[in-house]
Structure formats: C-alpha cells, structure tokens
C-alpha atoms as a PDB file:
ATOM      1  CA  MET A   1     143.324 -89.704 193.216  1.00  0.00           C
ATOM      2  CA  PRO A   2     145.235 -89.749 189.879  1.00  0.00           C
ATOM      3  CA  SER A   3     148.919 -90.576 190.202  1.00  0.00           C
ATOM      4  CA  ASP A   4     150.085 -87.236 188.748  1.00  0.00           C
ATOM      5  CA  THR A   5     147.993 -85.390 191.334  1.00  0.00           C
ATOM      6  CA  LYS A   6     149.524 -87.498 194.079  1.00  0.00           C
ATOM      7  CA  GLY A   7     152.979 -86.583 192.799  1.00  0.00           C
ATOM      8  CA  THR A   8     152.147 -82.882 192.798  1.00  0.00           C
ATOM      9  CA  VAL A   9     150.715 -83.040 196.307  1.00  0.00           C
ATOM     10  CA  GLY A  10     153.797 -84.950 197.476  1.00  0.00           C
ATOM     11  CA  GLN A  11     156.160 -82.359 195.999  1.00  0.00           C
ATOM     12  CA  VAL A  12     154.219 -79.504 197.596  1.00  0.00           C
ATOM     13  CA  GLY A  13     154.228 -81.319 200.920  1.00  0.00           C
ATOM     14  CA  ARG A  14     157.993 -81.905 200.781  1.00  0.00           C
ATOM     15  CA  TRP A  15     158.615 -78.277 199.908  1.00  0.00           C
ATOM     16  CA  GLU A  16     156.432 -77.004 202.761  1.00  0.00           C
ATOM     17  CA  ARG A  17     158.257 -79.299 205.173  1.00  0.00           C
ATOM     18  CA  ALA A  18     161.579 -78.068 203.830  1.00  0.00           C
ATOM     19  CA  LEU A  19     160.583 -74.447 204.489  1.00  0.00           C
ATOM     20  CA  ASP A  20     159.578 -75.384 208.021  1.00  0.00           C
ATOM     21  CA  ALA A  21     162.835 -77.232 208.606  1.00  0.00           C
ATOM     22  CA  ALA A  22     164.832 -74.260 207.271  1.00  0.00           C
ATOM     23  CA  GLY A  23     163.087 -71.887 209.681  1.00  0.00           C
ATOM     24  CA  VAL A  24     161.211 -69.980 206.961  1.00  0.00           C
ATOM     25  CA  ARG A  25     158.025 -69.020 208.816  1.00  0.00           C
ATOM     26  CA  GLU A  26     156.780 -65.666 207.515  1.00  0.00           C
ATOM     27  CA  PRO A  27     154.182 -66.205 204.734  1.00  0.00           C
ATOM     28  CA  GLY A  28     155.567 -63.565 202.401  1.00  0.00           C
ATOM     29  CA  LEU A  29     159.081 -64.958 202.685  1.00  0.00           C
ATOM     30  CA  ARG A  30     157.818 -68.488 202.089  1.00  0.00           C
ATOM     31  CA  ALA A  31     156.136 -67.233 198.931  1.00  0.00           C
ATOM     32  CA  GLU A  32     159.396 -65.650 197.740  1.00  0.00           C
ATOM     33  CA  TYR A  33     161.301 -68.871 198.323  1.00  0.00           C
ATOM     34  CA  GLY A  34     158.571 -70.635 196.391  1.00  0.00           C
ATOM     35  CA  ARG A  35     158.922 -68.267 193.454  1.00  0.00           C
ATOM     36  CA  GLN A  36     162.662 -68.818 193.430  1.00  0.00           C
ATOM     37  CA  ARG A  37     162.124 -72.566 193.447  1.00  0.00           C
ATOM     38  CA  GLU A  38     159.901 -72.162 190.387  1.00  0.00           C
ATOM     39  CA  GLN A  39     162.594 -70.069 188.675  1.00  0.00           C
ATOM     40  CA  VAL A  40     165.335 -72.592 189.391  1.00  0.00           C
ATOM     41  CA  THR A  41     163.073 -75.382 188.174  1.00  0.00           C
ATOM     42  CA  ARG A  42     162.553 -73.530 184.868  1.00  0.00           C
ATOM     43  CA  TYR A  43     166.213 -72.922 184.043  1.00  0.00           C
ATOM     44  CA  ARG A  44     167.981 -75.722 185.980  1.00  0.00           C
ATOM     45  CA  ARG A  45     165.334 -78.327 186.605  1.00  0.00           C
ATOM     46  CA  GLU A  46     167.926 -80.992 187.350  1.00  0.00           C
ATOM     47  CA  VAL A  47     169.321 -78.894 190.220  1.00  0.00           C
ATOM     48  CA  ALA A  48     165.907 -78.324 191.784  1.00  0.00           C
ATOM     49  CA  VAL A  49     164.942 -81.991 191.454  1.00  0.00           C
ATOM     50  CA  ALA A  50     168.251 -83.327 192.772  1.00  0.00           C
ATOM     51  CA  ALA A  51     168.260 -80.915 195.720  1.00  0.00           C
ATOM     52  CA  GLY A  52     164.703 -81.855 196.659  1.00  0.00           C
ATOM     53  CA  LEU A  53     165.427 -85.587 196.504  1.00  0.00           C
ATOM     54  CA  LEU A  54     168.970 -85.839 197.816  1.00  0.00           C
ATOM     55  CA  LEU A  55     169.463 -83.134 200.444  1.00  0.00           C
ATOM     56  CA  PRO A  56     168.126 -82.873 204.007  1.00  0.00           C
ATOM     57  CA  GLU A  57     164.943 -80.822 204.016  1.00  0.00           C
ATOM     58  CA  ARG A  58     166.524 -78.072 206.138  1.00  0.00           C
ATOM     59  CA  THR A  59     169.162 -77.463 203.440  1.00  0.00           C
ATOM     60  CA  VAL A  60     166.972 -77.397 200.325  1.00  0.00           C
ATOM     61  CA  PRO A  61     165.533 -73.829 200.536  1.00  0.00           C
ATOM     62  CA  HIS A  62     168.990 -72.355 201.182  1.00  0.00           C
ATOM     63  CA  VAL A  63     170.451 -74.130 198.135  1.00  0.00           C
ATOM     64  CA  ILE A  64     167.515 -72.874 196.059  1.00  0.00           C
ATOM     65  CA  ALA A  65     168.120 -69.281 197.246  1.00  0.00           C
ATOM     66  CA  ALA A  66     171.830 -69.513 196.418  1.00  0.00           C
ATOM     67  CA  ALA A  67     171.135 -70.996 192.972  1.00  0.00           C
ATOM     68  CA  ALA A  68     168.549 -68.294 192.221  1.00  0.00           C
ATOM     69  CA  PHE A  69     171.008 -65.587 193.241  1.00  0.00           C
ATOM     70  CA  MET A  70     173.654 -67.043 190.916  1.00  0.00           C
ATOM     71  CA  HIS A  71     171.191 -67.187 188.032  1.00  0.00           C
ATOM     72  CA  ARG A  72     170.130 -63.573 188.547  1.00  0.00           C
ATOM     73  CA  THR A  73     173.744 -62.420 188.741  1.00  0.00           C
ATOM     74  CA  ASP A  74     174.782 -64.419 185.674  1.00  0.00           C
ATOM     75  CA  THR A  75     171.865 -62.946 183.733  1.00  0.00           C
ATOM     76  CA  LEU A  76     172.994 -59.421 184.607  1.00  0.00           C
ATOM     77  CA  LEU A  77     176.551 -60.204 183.527  1.00  0.00           C
ATOM     78  CA  ASP A  78     175.440 -61.754 180.234  1.00  0.00           C
ATOM     79  CA  SER A  79     172.654 -59.426 179.068  1.00  0.00           C
ATOM     80  CA  GLY A  80     172.987 -56.383 176.825  1.00  0.00           C
ATOM     81  CA  PRO A  81     175.894 -54.137 175.763  1.00  0.00           C
ATOM     82  CA  GLU A  82     179.050 -54.275 177.867  1.00  0.00           C
ATOM     83  CA  ALA A  83     178.691 -50.759 179.326  1.00  0.00           C
ATOM     84  CA  GLY A  84     175.143 -51.487 180.441  1.00  0.00           C
ATOM     85  CA  ARG A  85     176.185 -54.801 181.943  1.00  0.00           C
ATOM     86  CA  ARG A  86     178.907 -53.135 183.975  1.00  0.00           C
ATOM     87  CA  GLU A  87     176.512 -50.523 185.331  1.00  0.00           C
ATOM     88  CA  ALA A  88     173.895 -53.161 186.148  1.00  0.00           C
ATOM     89  CA  ALA A  89     176.491 -55.368 187.825  1.00  0.00           C
ATOM     90  CA  ALA A  90     177.745 -52.446 189.923  1.00  0.00           C
ATOM     91  CA  ARG A  91     174.209 -51.573 191.060  1.00  0.00           C
ATOM     92  CA  TRP A  92     173.479 -55.187 191.888  1.00  0.00           C
ATOM     93  CA  ARG A  93     176.730 -55.497 193.836  1.00  0.00           C
ATOM     94  CA  ARG A  94     175.829 -52.449 195.937  1.00  0.00           C
ATOM     95  CA  GLU A  95     172.260 -53.653 196.511  1.00  0.00           C
ATOM     96  CA  VAL A  96     173.316 -57.128 197.633  1.00  0.00           C
ATOM     97  CA  THR A  97     176.216 -55.852 199.746  1.00  0.00           C
ATOM     98  CA  ASP A  98     174.003 -53.294 201.490  1.00  0.00           C
ATOM     99  CA  GLY A  99     171.291 -55.883 202.041  1.00  0.00           C
ATOM    100  CA  LEU A 100     173.708 -58.342 203.605  1.00  0.00           C
ATOM    101  CA  ALA A 101     175.120 -55.596 205.840  1.00  0.00           C
ATOM    102  CA  ASP A 102     171.700 -54.311 206.970  1.00  0.00           C
ATOM    103  CA  GLY A 103     169.827 -57.606 206.960  1.00  0.00           C
ATOM    104  CA  ARG A 104     166.969 -56.074 204.959  1.00  0.00           C
ATOM    105  CA  THR A 105     166.077 -55.077 201.425  1.00  0.00           C
ATOM    106  CA  ASP A 106     163.218 -53.572 199.417  1.00  0.00           C
ATOM    107  CA  ASP A 107     163.776 -56.197 196.707  1.00  0.00           C
ATOM    108  CA  PRO A 108     161.509 -59.179 197.440  1.00  0.00           C
ATOM    109  CA  GLY A 109     163.647 -61.379 195.180  1.00  0.00           C
ATOM    110  CA  LEU A 110     166.647 -60.745 197.401  1.00  0.00           C
ATOM    111  CA  ARG A 111     164.940 -61.543 200.701  1.00  0.00           C
ATOM    112  CA  PRO A 112     165.488 -65.324 200.526  1.00  0.00           C
ATOM    113  CA  LEU A 113     169.231 -64.842 200.048  1.00  0.00           C
ATOM    114  CA  LEU A 114     169.423 -62.541 203.079  1.00  0.00           C
ATOM    115  CA  HIS A 115     167.473 -65.020 205.208  1.00  0.00           C
ATOM    116  CA  SER A 116     169.648 -67.931 204.085  1.00  0.00           C
ATOM    117  CA  ALA A 117     172.837 -65.921 204.651  1.00  0.00           C
ATOM    118  CA  ALA A 118     171.688 -65.129 208.201  1.00  0.00           C
ATOM    119  CA  ALA A 119     171.119 -68.843 208.813  1.00  0.00           C
ATOM    120  CA  HIS A 120     174.429 -69.796 207.147  1.00  0.00           C
ATOM    121  CA  PRO A 121     177.064 -67.055 207.573  1.00  0.00           C
ATOM    122  CA  VAL A 122     179.411 -68.931 205.223  1.00  0.00           C
ATOM    123  CA  LEU A 123     176.942 -68.136 202.418  1.00  0.00           C
ATOM    124  CA  ARG A 124     177.273 -64.416 203.161  1.00  0.00           C
ATOM    125  CA  GLU A 125     181.062 -64.678 202.875  1.00  0.00           C
ATOM    126  CA  ARG A 126     180.929 -66.598 199.610  1.00  0.00           C
ATOM    127  CA  VAL A 127     178.367 -64.214 198.056  1.00  0.00           C
ATOM    128  CA  LEU A 128     180.549 -61.191 198.838  1.00  0.00           C
ATOM    129  CA  GLU A 129     183.593 -62.989 197.463  1.00  0.00           C
ATOM    130  CA  TYR A 130     181.776 -63.809 194.255  1.00  0.00           C
ATOM    131  CA  LEU A 131     180.419 -60.283 193.791  1.00  0.00           C
ATOM    132  CA  ALA A 132     183.959 -58.911 194.179  1.00  0.00           C
ATOM    133  CA  ALA A 133     185.133 -61.313 191.466  1.00  0.00           C
ATOM    134  CA  ALA A 134     182.233 -60.992 189.029  1.00  0.00           C
ATOM    135  CA  ASP A 135     183.913 -58.385 186.828  1.00  0.00           C
ATOM    136  CA  ALA A 136     186.435 -61.042 185.788  1.00  0.00           C
ATOM    137  CA  ASP A 137     183.841 -62.448 183.424  1.00  0.00           C
ATOM    138  CA  LEU A 138     183.077 -58.994 182.001  1.00  0.00           C
ATOM    139  CA  ASP A 139     186.805 -58.442 181.497  1.00  0.00           C
ATOM    140  CA  PHE A 140     187.275 -61.776 179.716  1.00  0.00           C
ATOM    141  CA  THR A 141     189.178 -61.461 176.429  1.00  0.00           C
ATOM    142  CA  GLY A 142     190.503 -65.002 176.145  1.00  0.00           C
ATOM    143  CA  PHE A 143     193.562 -66.804 177.463  1.00  0.00           C
ATOM    144  CA  ASP A 144     197.085 -66.659 176.146  1.00  0.00           C
ATOM    145  CA  THR A 145     198.536 -69.347 178.412  1.00  0.00           C
ATOM    146  CA  GLU A 146     197.534 -72.053 180.863  1.00  0.00           C
ATOM    147  CA  GLU A 147     198.544 -69.666 183.651  1.00  0.00           C
ATOM    148  CA  ASP A 148     195.925 -67.175 182.406  1.00  0.00           C
ATOM    149  CA  TYR A 149     193.313 -69.913 182.597  1.00  0.00           C
ATOM    150  CA  GLN A 150     194.335 -70.833 186.143  1.00  0.00           C
ATOM    151  CA  ARG A 151     193.997 -67.208 187.233  1.00  0.00           C
ATOM    152  CA  TYR A 152     190.475 -67.198 185.777  1.00  0.00           C
ATOM    153  CA  VAL A 153     189.592 -70.308 187.794  1.00  0.00           C
ATOM    154  CA  ASP A 154     190.882 -68.699 190.986  1.00  0.00           C
ATOM    155  CA  GLY A 155     189.393 -65.295 190.249  1.00  0.00           C
ATOM    156  CA  TYR A 156     185.969 -66.246 188.900  1.00  0.00           C
ATOM    157  CA  SER A 157     185.096 -69.949 188.560  1.00  0.00           C
ATOM    158  CA  LEU A 158     185.895 -70.966 192.126  1.00  0.00           C
ATOM    159  CA  PRO A 159     184.159 -67.998 193.821  1.00  0.00           C
ATOM    160  CA  GLY A 160     181.061 -68.666 191.724  1.00  0.00           C
ATOM    161  CA  PHE A 161     181.038 -72.380 192.477  1.00  0.00           C
ATOM    162  CA  MET A 162     181.490 -71.830 196.198  1.00  0.00           C
ATOM    163  CA  VAL A 163     178.264 -69.818 196.538  1.00  0.00           C
ATOM    164  CA  VAL A 164     176.285 -73.055 196.428  1.00  0.00           C
ATOM    165  CA  ALA A 165     179.070 -75.486 197.320  1.00  0.00           C
ATOM    166  CA  ALA A 166     179.732 -73.820 200.672  1.00  0.00           C
ATOM    167  CA  LEU A 167     176.230 -74.841 201.778  1.00  0.00           C
ATOM    168  CA  LEU A 168     177.114 -78.477 201.055  1.00  0.00           C
ATOM    169  CA  GLY A 169     180.435 -78.397 202.879  1.00  0.00           C
ATOM    170  CA  PRO A 170     181.375 -79.173 206.462  1.00  0.00           C
ATOM    171  CA  PRO A 171     180.544 -76.790 209.290  1.00  0.00           C
ATOM    172  CA  GLY A 172     183.399 -74.687 210.570  1.00  0.00           C
ATOM    173  CA  ASP A 173     186.766 -74.836 208.813  1.00  0.00           C
ATOM    174  CA  GLN A 174     186.233 -75.449 205.086  1.00  0.00           C
ATOM    175  CA  ARG A 175     189.826 -75.007 203.911  1.00  0.00           C
ATOM    176  CA  ALA A 176     190.407 -78.629 202.909  1.00  0.00           C
ATOM    177  CA  TYR A 177     186.940 -78.810 201.353  1.00  0.00           C
ATOM    178  CA  ARG A 178     187.520 -75.584 199.438  1.00  0.00           C
ATOM    179  CA  ALA A 179     190.832 -76.902 198.114  1.00  0.00           C
ATOM    180  CA  ALA A 180     189.049 -80.015 196.831  1.00  0.00           C
ATOM    181  CA  CYS A 181     186.349 -77.797 195.318  1.00  0.00           C
ATOM    182  CA  ARG A 182     189.090 -75.845 193.564  1.00  0.00           C
ATOM    183  CA  THR A 183     190.406 -79.020 191.932  1.00  0.00           C
ATOM    184  CA  PHE A 184     186.915 -80.122 190.969  1.00  0.00           C
ATOM    185  CA  ILE A 185     185.906 -76.787 189.457  1.00  0.00           C
ATOM    186  CA  ASP A 186     189.158 -76.670 187.491  1.00  0.00           C
ATOM    187  CA  GLY A 187     188.147 -79.919 185.803  1.00  0.00           C
ATOM    188  CA  SER A 188     184.513 -78.858 185.494  1.00  0.00           C
ATOM    189  CA  GLN A 189     185.419 -75.506 183.932  1.00  0.00           C
ATOM    190  CA  ARG A 190     187.766 -77.207 181.467  1.00  0.00           C
ATOM    191  CA  LEU A 191     184.975 -79.558 180.498  1.00  0.00           C
ATOM    192  CA  ASP A 192     182.504 -76.682 180.117  1.00  0.00           C
ATOM    193  CA  PHE A 193     184.888 -74.784 177.867  1.00  0.00           C
ATOM    194  CA  VAL A 194     185.276 -77.809 175.571  1.00  0.00           C
ATOM    195  CA  ASN A 195     181.624 -78.768 175.674  1.00  0.00           C
ATOM    196  CA  ASP A 196     180.351 -75.214 175.099  1.00  0.00           C
ATOM    197  CA  LEU A 197     182.944 -74.404 172.445  1.00  0.00           C
ATOM    198  CA  ALA A 198     180.460 -73.817 169.619  1.00  0.00           C
ATOM    199  CA  GLU A 199     178.165 -71.650 171.757  1.00  0.00           C
ATOM    200  CA  ASP A 200     181.058 -69.575 173.113  1.00  0.00           C
ATOM    201  CA  LEU A 201     182.516 -69.008 169.649  1.00  0.00           C
ATOM    202  CA  ALA A 202     179.102 -67.899 168.378  1.00  0.00           C
ATOM    203  CA  GLU A 203     179.185 -65.243 171.122  1.00  0.00           C
ATOM    204  CA  GLY A 204     182.717 -64.164 170.186  1.00  0.00           C
ATOM    205  CA  ARG A 205     184.473 -65.965 173.065  1.00  0.00           C
ATOM    206  CA  LEU A 206     187.429 -68.280 172.525  1.00  0.00           C
ATOM    207  CA  THR A 207     188.104 -70.131 175.775  1.00  0.00           C
ATOM    208  CA  ILE A 208     191.047 -72.304 174.716  1.00  0.00           C
ATOM    209  CA  PRO A 209     194.479 -70.769 175.470  1.00  0.00           C
ATOM    210  CA  ALA A 210     196.196 -69.421 172.356  1.00  0.00           C
ATOM    211  CA  ARG A 211     199.412 -71.347 173.137  1.00  0.00           C
ATOM    212  CA  THR A 212     197.442 -74.594 173.257  1.00  0.00           C
ATOM    213  CA  LEU A 213     196.002 -73.886 169.811  1.00  0.00           C
ATOM    214  CA  GLU A 214     199.470 -73.111 168.471  1.00  0.00           C
ATOM    215  CA  ARG A 215     200.909 -76.334 169.878  1.00  0.00           C
ATOM    216  CA  HIS A 216     198.277 -78.325 167.977  1.00  0.00           C
ATOM    217  CA  GLY A 217     198.487 -76.271 164.792  1.00  0.00           C
ATOM    218  CA  VAL A 218     194.840 -75.240 165.112  1.00  0.00           C
ATOM    219  CA  THR A 219     193.555 -71.730 164.381  1.00  0.00           C
ATOM    220  CA  ARG A 220     190.549 -69.872 165.686  1.00  0.00           C
ATOM    221  CA  ALA A 221     189.137 -69.973 162.148  1.00  0.00           C
ATOM    222  CA  ASP A 222     189.363 -73.783 162.196  1.00  0.00           C
ATOM    223  CA  LEU A 223     187.084 -73.821 165.210  1.00  0.00           C
ATOM    224  CA  GLU A 224     184.741 -71.051 164.090  1.00  0.00           C
ATOM    225  CA  GLN A 225     184.257 -72.733 160.718  1.00  0.00           C
ATOM    226  CA  ALA A 226     183.882 -76.167 162.343  1.00  0.00           C
ATOM    227  CA  ARG A 227     186.709 -77.767 160.373  1.00  0.00           C
ATOM    228  CA  ASP A 228     186.659 -81.361 161.565  1.00  0.00           C
ATOM    229  CA  ARG A 229     190.385 -81.949 161.003  1.00  0.00           C
ATOM    230  CA  PRO A 230     192.563 -84.575 162.760  1.00  0.00           C
ATOM    231  CA  ALA A 231     194.449 -81.767 164.512  1.00  0.00           C
ATOM    232  CA  VAL A 232     191.189 -80.314 165.812  1.00  0.00           C
ATOM    233  CA  ARG A 233     190.060 -83.699 167.122  1.00  0.00           C
ATOM    234  CA  ALA A 234     193.460 -84.214 168.768  1.00  0.00           C
ATOM    235  CA  LEU A 235     193.098 -80.812 170.452  1.00  0.00           C
ATOM    236  CA  LEU A 236     189.607 -81.569 171.750  1.00  0.00           C
ATOM    237  CA  GLY A 237     190.661 -85.028 172.898  1.00  0.00           C
ATOM    238  CA  GLU A 238     193.608 -83.647 174.833  1.00  0.00           C
ATOM    239  CA  LEU A 239     191.438 -81.013 176.482  1.00  0.00           C
ATOM    240  CA  LEU A 240     188.983 -83.706 177.580  1.00  0.00           C
ATOM    241  CA  ASP A 241     191.865 -85.875 178.839  1.00  0.00           C
ATOM    242  CA  THR A 242     193.037 -83.027 181.060  1.00  0.00           C
ATOM    243  CA  ALA A 243     189.533 -82.276 182.263  1.00  0.00           C
ATOM    244  CA  GLU A 244     188.918 -85.925 183.148  1.00  0.00           C
ATOM    245  CA  ARG A 245     192.195 -86.274 185.050  1.00  0.00           C
ATOM    246  CA  THR A 246     191.409 -83.148 187.060  1.00  0.00           C
ATOM    247  CA  LEU A 247     187.830 -84.242 187.721  1.00  0.00           C
ATOM    248  CA  ALA A 248     189.127 -87.596 188.968  1.00  0.00           C
ATOM    249  CA  GLU A 249     191.351 -85.769 191.463  1.00  0.00           C
ATOM    250  CA  GLY A 250     188.424 -83.547 192.392  1.00  0.00           C
ATOM    251  CA  ARG A 251     186.385 -86.557 193.537  1.00  0.00           C
ATOM    252  CA  ALA A 252     188.048 -86.037 196.925  1.00  0.00           C
ATOM    253  CA  VAL A 253     185.401 -83.377 197.539  1.00  0.00           C
ATOM    254  CA  ILE A 254     182.801 -86.122 198.113  1.00  0.00           C
ATOM    255  CA  GLY A 255     184.497 -87.497 201.209  1.00  0.00           C
ATOM    256  CA  LEU A 256     184.984 -84.028 202.670  1.00  0.00           C
ATOM    257  CA  ALA A 257     181.268 -83.179 202.566  1.00  0.00           C
ATOM    258  CA  PRO A 258     179.026 -84.117 205.509  1.00  0.00           C
ATOM    259  CA  ALA A 259     177.516 -87.575 205.096  1.00  0.00           C
ATOM    260  CA  ALA A 260     174.012 -86.122 204.634  1.00  0.00           C
ATOM    261  CA  HIS A 261     175.217 -84.054 201.682  1.00  0.00           C
ATOM    262  CA  ARG A 262     177.336 -86.679 199.937  1.00  0.00           C
ATOM    263  CA  PRO A 263     174.571 -88.033 197.677  1.00  0.00           C
ATOM    264  CA  MET A 264     174.103 -84.535 196.224  1.00  0.00           C
ATOM    265  CA  VAL A 265     177.837 -83.852 195.936  1.00  0.00           C
ATOM    266  CA  ARG A 266     178.442 -87.273 194.389  1.00  0.00           C
ATOM    267  CA  CYS A 267     175.644 -86.608 191.904  1.00  0.00           C
ATOM    268  CA  VAL A 268     177.247 -83.288 190.887  1.00  0.00           C
ATOM    269  CA  VAL A 269     180.595 -85.015 190.366  1.00  0.00           C
ATOM    270  CA  GLU A 270     179.192 -87.982 188.450  1.00  0.00           C
ATOM    271  CA  VAL A 271     177.146 -85.775 186.111  1.00  0.00           C
ATOM    272  CA  GLU A 272     180.429 -84.266 184.923  1.00  0.00           C
ATOM    273  CA  THR A 273     181.778 -87.762 184.251  1.00  0.00           C
ATOM    274  CA  LEU A 274     178.690 -88.594 182.198  1.00  0.00           C
ATOM    275  CA  THR A 275     178.949 -85.286 180.318  1.00  0.00           C
ATOM    276  CA  SER A 276     182.588 -85.892 179.451  1.00  0.00           C
ATOM    277  CA  ALA A 277     181.763 -89.376 178.157  1.00  0.00           C
ATOM    278  CA  ALA A 278     179.026 -87.899 175.963  1.00  0.00           C
ATOM    279  CA  ALA A 279     181.400 -85.242 174.629  1.00  0.00           C
ATOM    280  CA  ARG A 280     184.100 -87.803 173.859  1.00  0.00           C
ATOM    281  CA  ALA A 281     181.651 -90.039 171.999  1.00  0.00           C
ATOM    282  CA  ASP A 282     181.599 -87.592 169.050  1.00  0.00           C
ATOM    283  CA  LEU A 283     184.386 -85.013 169.156  1.00  0.00           C
ATOM    284  CA  GLY A 284     183.444 -83.534 165.797  1.00  0.00           C
ATOM    285  CA  ALA A 285     179.942 -82.745 167.028  1.00  0.00           C
ATOM    286  CA  LEU A 286     181.391 -80.384 169.666  1.00  0.00           C
ATOM    287  CA  LEU A 287     182.197 -77.975 166.819  1.00  0.00           C
ATOM    288  CA  HIS A 288     178.444 -77.584 166.340  1.00  0.00           C
ATOM    289  CA  ARG A 289     176.724 -78.212 169.678  1.00  0.00           C
ATOM    290  CA  SER A 290     177.167 -79.191 173.312  1.00  0.00           C
ATOM    291  CA  ALA A 291     176.911 -82.768 174.534  1.00  0.00           C
ATOM    292  CA  GLY A 292     174.794 -83.884 177.472  1.00  0.00           C
ATOM    293  CA  PRO A 293     174.555 -86.988 179.640  1.00  0.00           C
ATOM    294  CA  ALA A 294     172.417 -89.791 178.284  1.00  0.00           C
ATOM    295  CA  LYS A 295     169.051 -89.584 180.052  1.00  0.00           C
ATOM    296  CA  PRO A 296     168.938 -93.260 181.141  1.00  0.00           C
ATOM    297  CA  ALA A 297     172.380 -92.949 182.743  1.00  0.00           C
ATOM    298  CA  ALA A 298     171.438 -89.681 184.459  1.00  0.00           C
ATOM    299  CA  LEU A 299     168.220 -91.197 185.818  1.00  0.00           C
ATOM    300  CA  ARG A 300     170.102 -94.244 187.110  1.00  0.00           C
ATOM    301  CA  LEU A 301     172.555 -91.942 188.851  1.00  0.00           C
ATOM    302  CA  LEU A 302     169.770 -89.926 190.471  1.00  0.00           C
ATOM    303  CA  ALA A 303     167.942 -93.095 191.583  1.00  0.00           C
ATOM    304  CA  ARG A 304     171.103 -94.574 193.077  1.00  0.00           C
ATOM    305  CA  GLU A 305     171.901 -91.432 195.053  1.00  0.00           C
ATOM    306  CA  TYR A 306     168.282 -91.092 196.160  1.00  0.00           C
ATOM    307  CA  LEU A 307     168.456 -94.560 197.700  1.00  0.00           C
ATOM    308  CA  ARG A 308     171.677 -93.610 199.456  1.00  0.00           C
ATOM    309  CA  ALA A 309     170.080 -90.431 200.773  1.00  0.00           C
ATOM    310  CA  ARG A 310     167.067 -92.388 202.081  1.00  0.00           C
ATOM    311  CA  ARG A 311     169.305 -94.909 203.839  1.00  0.00           C
ATOM    312  CA  HIS A 312     171.175 -92.094 205.548  1.00  0.00           C
ATOM    313  CA  ARG A 313     167.955 -90.444 206.749  1.00  0.00           C
ATOM    314  CA  ARG A 314     166.846 -93.725 208.326  1.00  0.00           C
END
C-alpha cells in the first residue's frame, strides 16, 4: 500500500476512534462532525492537525465543533455591510441560544455544537457568553487609551478565546485557569494587532490606541502609507515588547490545564512566541504584511509536543 494511502487510512481511523470516544454514535451526527472537521482543516489546518495529534481522542471532536462554531460566527460578523451583519448576528444568536435551550435544531451545522455542549456544559456557558459579547466587534471604532483596549479584551477577546479554551481546562472550578487565559489572550491579542496591522488598516481598522500613537509621534497616515520611520519602528517594537511580556506571564495557563491537554496548550502558547519572533525579525515588513512562524520551527514544536502527548497516553 502506498505510504500516502496509509496516512489517509490512519487519519480516518483516528477520527473514527475519536468520534467513538466522544460518544458520537448516530451516523448523521458523525457525518456532520466530519464535515466540520473538513471545514476547520480548510481554514485552520494547523488547529485540526494539532488537535488530532496532541489531544485525547475523546476531546478532539468537541474542540473541532467549538472551532467550527467560532469560524461560522466570525464569518457572520465580518461579512457584508454593517446593518446586514448586525441582523445576521442577531438571528444567529437567537438560533444558537434556542438550540442550546431546547437541545435540538433544524440546522445540521449546529448539531455538533449542541451535542458537544451537552457533553461539556462548560462549553454551553462559554458559547452563550461569547454570543452576548459578539457585538463588541461590530461596535469597534478603535481605542483611545490602554483602558479602552483592556475593556475590549474583557468584553470580546476573552469570551471568544474561552469557547475553545474551556474544553482544554480543568474540570470543575476554572477560575484560576480563566484568569491565566485572560493574561495569555491579552498578550495574544496585542500580538495579533501588531502582526495584522496592515490587513486591519486596509479594512479601515486602527487597533493601536490613539494615545500610544501620540506618545511616539506616529500618525495613522504614517501607518496607512507604510512610512518605515524610526518612530514607527520604535512603536512596533514597544508593542511587541509588551505583548511578549504578557505572553510570558500567560504561560501559567499550561500548568493549570489537565496533564493530557498540556501538549496542546503548550503548542498554542509556543506558536505565539514563534510568531512574535518572526514579527520582530523585520519590523518594517509589518507595515505591508503579517509575519508567521518559520515552518521548520513550527514542525519541531509540533513533533516535540506529539512525543510528550504519546508519553502521557502510555
């Protein structure tokens, strides 16, 4: 049998075992989970691959369902004119809320989320929290101060992150874990805003607080016109410094996750470290495009955590 065929068969076998372990028995529901896995693989392949390799089989389908829900919600929030997005978001909020309350839905694409939320009630809580906060992104007009940014993290970034992160956290009381997640997502969001600066500006979004720009003597026009000035580089460097300090504090989240989930959580944390290093390597390039982790380093990280996950399973 050719090696690529063996790999495909192995992946299918792992996925079928994961569905069994997660208690997904009904054929139609298994097919829906499978479609969502394909979707997540298309738009966030690294998430699907890492989950399949690093997490216990019983957890993988639930993480896939949560990731697919987030992607669908983000797409609704980001697509089309603002008025249409608000109407679509409101309809989606009602549909998901009603489905979670009733335990059923006519939307096949929503069935995996309802099944996973029934198996993990914490997911239900985090989904409702995120839906209640989702308008914060539609209302975004920029930040005046650091305090405005912190309110955005509390009101939108953290609820969104916790939809998936709650599935990786400890059973029962997650307050300490959530606090560590809050620190981590603060650093991660800061990094995203620096790394995605060019893309956000192209869409009319300025995600750096106005007071921070003023302190550095940098204008919005400097950034929009990609003026690679010393003041602009100093601004970007400072933003990365802050992101890296916060991400370092956020590493505490690894030790608060169950041992079986730590390879995945550690991988999530370390990818941000690699991304920040790539961004810092050429600050001027951030005015034109996002940076990404070097592939060899990312593959080494995944291989290392895979070995840790295998040792834990033994």
